[in-house]
Every structure is written in C-alpha cells, then in structure tokens.
Amino acid sequence: MFRSIIIAGALLMTTSAFAQSETAGETVEVNGMQMYYEIHGEGEPLIVLHGAYMNIPTMGEIIPMLAESRQVIALEFQGHGRTTDIDRPITYPNLADDVAAFMDAIGIEKADVFGYSMGAAAGLQFAIRHPEKIDQLVAASVAYDAEGWQPAFREFIPQMAPEMFVGTPMEDEYRKLAADPEGFPALVDKLIALEHEPMAWEEDVKQLKAPVLIIAGDADVSTLEHNVELFRLLGGGGMGDMGVPLPASRLAVLPATSHTAVISQPELLHALIEPFLKGETPKSFMGM
C-alpha cells in the first residue's frame, strides 16, 4: 500500500510542472548551501515552500496563478531540486532558519508565506522562530504535533526504509534537476529521520501573532480533529454573526481530497488563498 503512495508522489512530480518553471532561476548562498530560487510576478512578496521530495515545478499551477497579483518567490530546500545538500540534518527548525537566511540574502525584510506539507510545517516553524519576518502564513497539509498525524501514517513511520524510495520513479525524477544526481539516497535518509524528529509545538502556536490560513484535505495526512484544534489554538472556532469580528486565521477543508491531491487543485487553492492574503471575508446575507 505504501509503495503506491511513493508512486503517487512520483506522479505528482511528473504531472505538476508549469511552464514558468522553465524561466532561469538564481542561486544564493544560504547557511553553506547554494539555494536555488525563482521569482515570478510583481507586487507584495509571497514566499512559496514545497513539500518533501518535491521542487518548484511540482508545486504546479498555483505558482503562476498567485504570481498574477503577487511577487512569488519560490525556493528549493536543502538537497531538493537544484539546491545543494550540506552535512546537516533536515529538521523543521533548520528549514525555517534557512528561509530567514534566504530572505536576508536577497534583501527581503518581511513577506507572506505559503507552504505545502513539509513546507507548511517549515512555514509554521518560521512563524514561530522569526515572527518579525512574516505577515501571513498559508499552511496546507500541516500538523503542529506528531499526534496529529493520521494513525495509519504514524504506524507507517517506523517501517520507513530507504529501499522503499531508492530505485523508484521518484528517484528518476529527482535526477532530472538535482544539483547532485547521486544524492537521492542521502536525501531519503534525512527525510526519514525528519519523520522521527520530536514535534510538539502547541505552546509556541498559541503565541503566534501572524494570521494563518489552514488548508487540509478531508482525507489528508493530518486528522480533521487536529486541524480544528490548530484553528482553535489560533483563535478560531467561535460563532460569527454575534457582533464580534471574525478571527484573522481561517480553516478550509477540501472535499474528497487526499494529501497528494491538495496541491493538484490550483483553482480551488487560489480561490482560498487570494482573499485571505487580501484580508477579504464573505458578506453575510444580512450585509454584515
């Protein structure tokens, strides 16, 4: 069953590419690595963070859609895509600090952030560790505690082994862009280790000031209950129409949507992300 998940990930890598990714990007030194990034569009800066085993093209059409009204700055994490690897574990705090150092390196003081999966957790840690650098966060398919993952996924983590990934179509896709075409086994080792990292951020999440849009599939890797609890930690979950302003954070659950299907619905994602970033809310039928 879980090999089929890996194959689904490989298919996501091969089918989500978008035309603008052919635009030549840049590299900048960040914490000892050469980090690859691309800039699309003009306007307020929005940093896009991809998921594990992914890269900029696999984020798909959501990038050019967002670039219609924003300056989208998409980067590739340590050991992913065209970014080099370094002798350091991949952890969420490390990834968050890389984003902060990247912003310093290219001269961006503050930005909105959109992250998916691993990129969403890195974005959450970025908001926790570098609150002065973030305006708003869009976190798609995220958890703030390891207990929030689906039981099936938590049961699978101890079974994860490199041979499940090495030699698959996912490795073939990795080689097409990788700074080190032979680096896939090392990346797999680090990403498996990431799944074993402690993850219990509730107290930190309670202190967040940046508004967060939580996006989850109704069959995502994080449970529905966990996403609701995250929303409540951010001040959400109360009743509207009672004369009290709605919270700045929001929750959106996509129907009939698994983890890998979240990023494959760019029109729906854009319809949720754009009004959030603009601070727009639906009007009630009473005009309130």
Protein backbone atom coordinates (compact mmCIF):
# COMPACT_ATOMS: atom_id res chain seq x y z
CA MET A 1 0.00 0.00 0.00
CA PHE A 2 2.67 2.49 0.96
CA ARG A 3 4.68 1.83 -2.19
CA SER A 4 1.62 3.10 -4.05
CA ILE A 5 1.90 6.32 -2.04
CA ILE A 6 5.50 6.69 -3.22
CA ILE A 7 4.43 6.08 -6.81
CA ALA A 8 1.69 8.69 -6.37
CA GLY A 9 4.37 11.10 -5.22
CA ALA A 10 6.40 10.35 -8.32
CA LEU A 11 3.36 11.00 -10.50
CA LEU A 12 2.84 14.31 -8.70
CA MET A 13 6.43 15.22 -9.56
CA THR A 14 5.93 14.41 -13.24
CA THR A 15 2.49 15.97 -13.79
CA SER A 16 2.54 19.20 -11.77
CA ALA A 17 5.21 21.10 -13.71
CA PHE A 18 4.22 24.51 -15.05
CA ALA A 19 5.57 26.46 -17.99
CA GLN A 20 7.03 29.33 -15.99
CA SER A 21 9.40 26.95 -14.21
CA GLU A 22 11.44 26.94 -17.42
CA THR A 23 12.44 30.50 -16.54
CA ALA A 24 16.04 30.56 -15.40
CA GLY A 25 16.30 30.96 -11.66
CA GLU A 26 19.10 32.16 -9.41
CA THR A 27 21.20 30.67 -6.66
CA VAL A 28 22.33 32.32 -3.46
CA GLU A 29 24.48 31.05 -0.60
CA VAL A 30 22.38 30.19 2.44
CA ASN A 31 23.87 28.52 5.50
CA GLY A 32 26.59 26.82 3.47
CA MET A 33 24.41 25.61 0.60
CA GLN A 34 23.70 27.05 -2.83
CA MET A 35 19.95 27.64 -2.67
CA TYR A 36 18.01 27.78 -5.93
CA TYR A 37 15.04 30.13 -6.27
CA GLU A 38 12.78 31.74 -8.85
CA ILE A 39 10.83 34.98 -8.84
CA HIS A 40 7.56 35.30 -10.75
CA GLY A 41 5.25 38.29 -10.98
CA GLU A 42 5.21 41.64 -9.24
CA GLY A 43 3.67 43.02 -6.08
CA GLU A 44 3.82 42.14 -2.41
CA PRO A 45 6.29 39.29 -1.75
CA LEU A 46 4.96 35.77 -1.19
CA ILE A 47 7.47 33.02 -0.43
CA VAL A 48 6.44 29.52 -1.58
CA LEU A 49 7.76 26.43 0.22
CA HIS A 50 7.40 22.99 -1.38
CA GLY A 51 6.89 19.60 0.22
CA ALA A 52 9.31 16.74 0.86
CA TYR A 53 10.85 15.11 -2.25
CA MET A 54 9.43 17.99 -4.32
CA ASN A 55 10.77 21.09 -6.07
CA ILE A 56 9.42 24.29 -7.64
CA PRO A 57 7.88 22.69 -10.76
CA THR A 58 5.99 20.10 -8.69
CA MET A 59 4.12 22.85 -6.85
CA GLY A 60 2.24 23.18 -10.12
CA GLU A 61 -0.02 25.88 -11.49
CA ILE A 62 -0.68 27.55 -8.14
CA ILE A 63 2.60 29.49 -8.54
CA PRO A 64 1.73 31.28 -11.82
CA MET A 65 -1.81 31.86 -10.53
CA LEU A 66 -0.54 33.60 -7.40
CA ALA A 67 2.02 35.49 -9.50
CA GLU A 68 -0.80 37.28 -11.31
CA SER A 69 -1.14 39.59 -8.30
CA ARG A 70 1.95 38.92 -6.17
CA GLN A 71 5.71 38.69 -6.41
CA VAL A 72 6.05 34.96 -5.88
CA ILE A 73 9.46 33.86 -4.63
CA ALA A 74 9.73 30.07 -4.77
CA LEU A 75 12.77 28.37 -3.29
CA GLU A 76 14.07 24.82 -3.17
CA PHE A 77 15.02 23.41 0.22
CA GLN A 78 18.26 21.72 1.27
CA GLY A 79 19.06 18.79 -1.03
CA HIS A 80 15.89 19.28 -3.08
CA GLY A 81 15.73 20.22 -6.74
CA ARG A 82 18.68 22.39 -7.73
CA THR A 83 19.71 23.32 -4.17
CA THR A 84 22.84 21.61 -2.91
CA ASP A 85 22.90 19.42 0.18
CA ILE A 86 25.11 20.06 3.21
CA ASP A 87 26.36 17.96 6.11
CA ARG A 88 23.39 18.74 8.36
CA PRO A 89 20.09 17.06 9.26
CA ILE A 90 16.89 18.28 7.67
CA THR A 91 14.71 19.47 10.53
CA TYR A 92 11.83 21.92 10.62
CA PRO A 93 13.77 24.48 12.68
CA ASN A 94 16.70 24.20 10.24
CA LEU A 95 14.40 24.70 7.26
CA ALA A 96 12.75 27.68 8.96
CA ASP A 97 16.12 29.27 9.68
CA ASP A 98 17.12 28.68 6.06
CA VAL A 99 14.08 30.68 4.92
CA ALA A 100 15.06 33.53 7.24
CA ALA A 101 18.66 33.49 6.00
CA PHE A 102 17.43 33.32 2.40
CA MET A 103 15.32 36.44 2.93
CA ASP A 104 18.32 38.26 4.36
CA ALA A 105 20.48 37.12 1.44
CA ILE A 106 18.13 38.51 -1.23
CA GLY A 107 17.09 41.59 0.73
CA ILE A 108 13.51 40.86 1.79
CA GLU A 109 12.62 42.11 5.27
CA LYS A 110 9.10 40.69 5.56
CA ALA A 111 6.81 38.52 3.43
CA ASP A 112 3.75 36.31 3.35
CA VAL A 113 4.48 32.57 3.19
CA PHE A 114 2.66 29.69 1.50
CA GLY A 115 3.86 26.20 2.35
CA TYR A 116 2.63 22.73 1.47
CA SER A 117 3.27 19.59 3.54
CA MET A 118 6.90 19.73 4.75
CA GLY A 119 6.94 23.33 3.52
CA ALA A 120 3.86 24.11 5.63
CA ALA A 121 5.49 22.73 8.78
CA ALA A 122 8.64 24.70 7.94
CA GLY A 123 6.43 27.75 7.47
CA LEU A 124 4.84 27.20 10.87
CA GLN A 125 8.27 26.98 12.47
CA PHE A 126 9.31 30.08 10.52
CA ALA A 127 6.37 32.00 12.01
CA ILE A 128 7.34 30.72 15.48
CA ARG A 129 11.08 31.38 15.22
CA HIS A 130 11.08 34.53 13.06
CA PRO A 131 7.81 36.38 13.74
CA GLU A 132 9.30 39.69 12.67
CA LYS A 133 9.77 38.36 9.11
CA ILE A 134 6.26 37.10 8.37
CA ASP A 135 2.98 38.86 7.67
CA GLN A 136 0.61 35.96 6.95
CA LEU A 137 1.01 32.20 6.60
CA VAL A 138 -0.87 29.78 4.36
CA ALA A 139 -0.24 26.26 5.67
CA ALA A 140 -1.57 23.42 3.53
CA SER A 141 -1.46 19.87 4.97
CA VAL A 142 0.28 20.66 8.23
CA ALA A 143 0.44 19.46 11.82
CA TYR A 144 1.82 21.11 14.96
CA ASP A 145 2.15 17.85 16.91
CA ALA A 146 3.13 14.34 15.82
CA GLU A 147 -0.04 13.05 17.47
CA GLY A 148 -1.99 14.95 14.84
CA TRP A 149 -0.91 12.67 12.00
CA GLN A 150 -3.37 10.01 10.89
CA PRO A 151 -2.93 6.72 12.84
CA ALA A 152 -2.08 4.90 9.60
CA PHE A 153 0.78 7.30 8.93
CA ARG A 154 2.10 7.12 12.49
CA GLU A 155 2.10 3.33 12.24
CA PHE A 156 3.97 3.53 8.94
CA ILE A 157 6.80 5.81 10.13
CA PRO A 158 8.76 3.05 11.97
CA GLN A 159 8.58 0.94 8.80
CA MET A 160 10.10 3.60 6.54
CA ALA A 161 13.29 2.41 4.87
CA PRO A 162 15.45 3.83 2.05
CA GLU A 163 14.77 0.88 -0.25
CA MET A 164 11.11 1.97 -0.42
CA PHE A 165 12.21 5.12 -2.26
CA VAL A 166 15.54 4.34 -3.90
CA GLY A 167 15.14 2.86 -7.38
CA THR A 168 11.59 4.18 -7.81
CA PRO A 169 10.31 6.66 -10.42
CA MET A 170 10.68 9.29 -7.69
CA GLU A 171 14.47 8.86 -7.84
CA ASP A 172 14.40 9.14 -11.64
CA GLU A 173 12.53 12.44 -11.37
CA TYR A 174 14.95 13.67 -8.70
CA ARG A 175 17.92 13.11 -11.02
CA LYS A 176 16.47 15.38 -13.72
CA LEU A 177 17.03 18.56 -11.67
CA ALA A 178 19.31 17.60 -8.80
CA ALA A 179 22.48 19.53 -8.09
CA ASP A 180 23.93 16.10 -7.22
CA PRO A 181 22.23 13.38 -9.32
CA GLU A 182 23.68 10.73 -6.97
CA GLY A 183 22.39 12.44 -3.82
CA PHE A 184 18.97 10.81 -3.60
CA PRO A 185 19.85 8.10 -1.03
CA ALA A 186 21.30 10.73 1.33
CA LEU A 187 18.17 12.86 0.93
CA VAL A 188 15.93 9.87 1.67
CA ASP A 189 17.90 9.11 4.85
CA LYS A 190 17.46 12.69 6.05
CA LEU A 191 13.76 12.84 5.23
CA ILE A 192 13.10 9.55 7.01
CA ALA A 193 14.96 10.94 10.03
CA LEU A 194 12.77 14.04 9.82
CA GLU A 195 9.68 11.90 10.43
CA HIS A 196 11.24 10.75 13.71
CA GLU A 197 12.00 14.29 14.94
CA PRO A 198 10.05 15.41 18.03
CA MET A 199 7.06 17.58 17.10
CA ALA A 200 5.06 19.23 19.90
CA TRP A 201 4.57 22.93 19.18
CA GLU A 202 1.27 23.74 20.90
CA GLU A 203 2.62 26.34 23.31
CA ASP A 204 4.51 28.07 20.50
CA VAL A 205 1.45 28.06 18.24
CA LYS A 206 -0.61 29.74 20.96
CA GLN A 207 1.79 32.68 20.89
CA LEU A 208 1.61 33.27 17.13
CA LYS A 209 0.51 36.73 16.04
CA ALA A 210 0.59 36.18 12.26
CA PRO A 211 -2.75 35.17 10.72
CA VAL A 212 -2.76 31.60 9.42
CA LEU A 213 -4.90 30.03 6.70
CA ILE A 214 -5.02 26.30 7.40
CA ILE A 215 -5.84 24.20 4.35
CA ALA A 216 -6.45 20.47 4.68
CA GLY A 217 -7.95 17.69 2.64
CA ASP A 218 -10.76 15.74 4.28
CA ALA A 219 -8.58 12.64 3.77
CA ASP A 220 -5.25 14.33 4.48
CA VAL A 221 -2.23 13.06 6.41
CA SER A 222 -3.29 15.14 9.42
CA THR A 223 -6.61 14.33 11.08
CA LEU A 224 -9.61 16.60 10.79
CA GLU A 225 -9.72 16.89 14.57
CA HIS A 226 -6.11 18.08 14.61
CA ASN A 227 -6.79 20.78 12.03
CA VAL A 228 -9.77 22.02 14.02
CA GLU A 229 -7.66 22.11 17.18
CA LEU A 230 -4.97 24.08 15.36
CA PHE A 231 -7.65 26.55 14.27
CA ARG A 232 -8.86 26.87 17.86
CA LEU A 233 -5.31 27.49 19.11
CA LEU A 234 -5.18 30.41 16.67
CA GLY A 235 -8.40 31.92 17.98
CA GLY A 236 -10.88 30.33 15.59
CA GLY A 237 -13.88 28.09 16.02
CA GLY A 238 -16.36 30.52 17.54
CA MET A 239 -19.71 31.63 16.18
CA GLY A 240 -19.90 34.53 13.77
CA ASP A 241 -22.83 36.97 13.41
CA MET A 242 -22.63 37.82 17.11
CA GLY A 243 -21.18 41.31 16.77
CA VAL A 244 -17.60 40.11 17.33
CA PRO A 245 -15.06 40.36 14.48
CA LEU A 246 -14.03 37.09 12.90
CA PRO A 247 -10.54 35.85 13.83
CA ALA A 248 -7.72 36.68 11.44
CA SER A 249 -6.89 32.99 10.98
CA ARG A 250 -9.03 30.69 8.84
CA LEU A 251 -9.67 27.00 8.20
CA ALA A 252 -10.54 25.42 4.85
CA VAL A 253 -11.21 21.70 4.34
CA LEU A 254 -11.14 20.43 0.75
CA PRO A 255 -13.69 17.69 -0.02
CA ALA A 256 -12.73 14.27 -1.39
CA THR A 257 -9.08 15.27 -1.10
CA SER A 258 -6.11 13.16 -0.02
CA HIS A 259 -2.72 14.54 0.93
CA THR A 260 -1.23 14.37 -2.55
CA ALA A 261 -4.42 15.79 -4.09
CA VAL A 262 -4.28 19.04 -2.10
CA ILE A 263 -1.66 20.63 -4.35
CA SER A 264 -3.29 19.30 -7.54
CA GLN A 265 -6.30 21.64 -7.24
CA PRO A 266 -4.75 25.04 -8.04
CA GLU A 267 -8.02 26.81 -8.90
CA LEU A 268 -9.54 25.87 -5.56
CA LEU A 269 -6.37 26.76 -3.67
CA HIS A 270 -6.16 30.12 -5.40
CA ALA A 271 -9.81 30.88 -4.57
CA LEU A 272 -8.97 30.33 -0.89
CA ILE A 273 -5.52 31.92 -0.71
CA GLU A 274 -6.12 35.15 -2.63
CA PRO A 275 -8.92 36.57 -0.43
CA PHE A 276 -7.07 35.51 2.72
CA LEU A 277 -3.95 37.41 1.70
CA LYS A 278 -6.11 40.44 0.87
CA GLY A 279 -7.99 40.25 4.17
CA GLU A 280 -11.34 39.78 2.39
CA THR A 281 -14.21 37.94 4.07
CA PRO A 282 -17.56 36.81 2.64
CA LYS A 283 -20.51 39.09 3.35
CA SER A 284 -23.50 37.62 5.19
CA PHE A 285 -26.95 37.79 3.66
CA MET A 286 -27.71 40.47 6.25
CA GLY A 287 -24.94 42.64 4.84
CA MET A 288 -22.73 42.24 7.91
